[in-house]
């Protein structure tokens, strides 16, 4: 059975060298069956390029995970500590998988994403 993904605005936590940790509410597609997020690599790389002053040939960034909406909103006002951020991103119940879609075939673990 084929399941369609749903478009959602998901708060992502990204570490970009040499900037540091960035919280970004990004439009992604979400498979509600297996909790896989699909994001466009080019859009995240464009963000990384905008934040890094010196243009490097190779972008150094890693998507650490997702945040709850309440934590993301608190983070916008600067009222989230690094410890809270780490606990939220690396929470034990987090099962979401992020897959990039960059024009080539995206890695899909199950055939219900076709």
Protein backbone atom coordinates (compact mmCIF):
# COMPACT_ATOMS: atom_id res chain seq x y z
CA UNK A 1 0.00 0.00 0.00
CA UNK A 2 1.37 3.39 -0.99
CA UNK A 3 1.23 6.20 1.58
CA UNK A 4 1.62 9.84 0.65
CA UNK A 5 3.79 12.14 2.63
CA UNK A 6 2.37 15.27 4.23
CA UNK A 7 3.94 18.71 4.14
CA UNK A 8 4.86 19.97 7.62
CA UNK A 9 6.89 22.83 9.07
CA UNK A 10 9.35 21.01 11.32
CA UNK A 11 11.81 22.77 13.66
CA UNK A 12 15.26 21.36 12.80
CA UNK A 13 18.50 21.78 14.73
CA UNK A 14 21.51 22.11 12.45
CA UNK A 15 25.18 22.56 13.34
CA UNK A 16 26.98 24.64 10.72
CA UNK A 17 30.76 25.17 10.84
CA UNK A 18 31.97 27.72 11.90
CA UNK A 19 28.63 29.34 12.88
CA UNK A 20 27.45 26.80 15.47
CA UNK A 21 23.97 25.52 16.25
CA UNK A 22 21.06 26.95 14.26
CA UNK A 23 17.35 26.32 14.85
CA UNK A 24 15.36 26.41 11.63
CA UNK A 25 11.69 25.79 11.04
CA UNK A 26 11.87 24.05 7.68
CA UNK A 27 9.14 22.87 5.35
CA UNK A 28 9.63 19.12 4.94
CA UNK A 29 7.56 16.19 3.81
CA UNK A 30 6.67 13.77 6.59
CA UNK A 31 5.68 10.15 6.22
CA UNK A 32 3.31 9.54 9.12
CA UNK A 33 3.75 5.77 8.85
CA UNK A 34 7.50 5.60 9.54
CA UNK A 35 8.17 9.22 10.69
CA UNK A 36 10.67 9.86 7.91
CA UNK A 37 11.31 13.51 7.02
CA UNK A 38 12.30 14.48 3.49
CA UNK A 39 14.11 17.81 3.08
CA UNK A 40 15.72 19.43 0.07
CA UNK A 41 19.50 19.40 0.45
CA UNK A 42 19.89 22.49 -1.77
CA UNK A 43 17.66 24.58 0.52
CA UNK A 44 19.65 23.66 3.62
CA UNK A 45 22.93 24.28 1.81
CA UNK A 46 21.65 27.69 0.68
CA UNK A 47 20.94 28.52 4.32
CA UNK A 48 24.42 27.36 5.31
CA UNK A 49 25.97 29.50 2.57
CA UNK A 50 24.05 32.54 3.80
CA UNK A 51 25.31 32.12 7.35
CA UNK A 52 28.94 31.40 6.56
CA UNK A 53 30.94 34.53 5.67
CA UNK A 54 33.75 32.80 3.80
CA UNK A 55 32.56 30.66 0.91
CA UNK A 56 34.05 27.22 1.26
CA UNK A 57 33.95 24.64 -1.50
CA UNK A 58 32.63 22.02 0.89
CA UNK A 59 29.80 22.92 3.25
CA UNK A 60 30.29 21.55 6.72
CA UNK A 61 26.97 21.01 8.45
CA UNK A 62 25.01 18.26 10.13
CA UNK A 63 21.30 18.06 10.92
CA UNK A 64 21.24 17.03 14.58
CA UNK A 65 17.53 16.40 14.89
CA UNK A 66 14.13 17.96 15.45
CA UNK A 67 12.64 20.12 18.18
CA UNK A 68 9.18 20.39 19.60
CA UNK A 69 7.34 23.53 18.51
CA UNK A 70 7.19 24.92 22.07
CA UNK A 71 10.95 24.53 22.52
CA UNK A 72 11.59 26.13 19.13
CA UNK A 73 9.41 29.15 20.04
CA UNK A 74 11.19 29.55 23.37
CA UNK A 75 14.50 29.32 21.49
CA UNK A 76 13.52 32.27 19.31
CA UNK A 77 13.35 34.46 22.40
CA UNK A 78 16.65 33.08 23.70
CA UNK A 79 15.11 31.36 26.72
CA UNK A 80 16.30 27.82 25.89
CA UNK A 81 19.55 26.63 27.42
CA UNK A 82 22.03 24.46 25.55
CA UNK A 83 21.27 21.64 27.98
CA UNK A 84 17.53 21.82 27.20
CA UNK A 85 18.30 21.88 23.49
CA UNK A 86 20.50 18.78 23.72
CA UNK A 87 17.94 16.91 25.82
CA UNK A 88 15.18 17.75 23.34
CA UNK A 89 17.13 16.84 20.20
CA UNK A 90 18.53 13.59 21.60
CA UNK A 91 15.40 12.49 23.47
CA UNK A 92 15.00 8.71 23.69
CA UNK A 93 11.56 8.65 22.02
CA UNK A 94 12.82 10.41 18.88
CA UNK A 95 12.49 8.00 15.95
CA UNK A 96 12.37 10.46 13.06
CA UNK A 97 14.73 9.80 10.15
CA UNK A 98 15.81 12.64 7.84
CA UNK A 99 16.39 11.90 4.16
CA UNK A 100 17.58 14.48 1.64
CA UNK A 101 15.98 14.80 -1.73
CA UNK A 102 18.45 16.50 -4.06
CA UNK A 103 17.18 15.55 -7.47
CA UNK A 104 18.68 12.06 -7.46
CA UNK A 105 16.86 9.03 -6.11
CA UNK A 106 16.21 9.60 -2.42
CA UNK A 107 16.99 6.72 -0.09
CA UNK A 108 13.74 5.19 1.00
CA UNK A 109 13.70 2.29 3.42
CA UNK A 110 10.23 1.04 2.49
CA UNK A 111 8.30 0.90 -0.74
CA UNK A 112 5.28 2.70 0.72
CA UNK A 113 7.01 6.05 -0.03
CA UNK A 114 6.84 5.65 -3.79
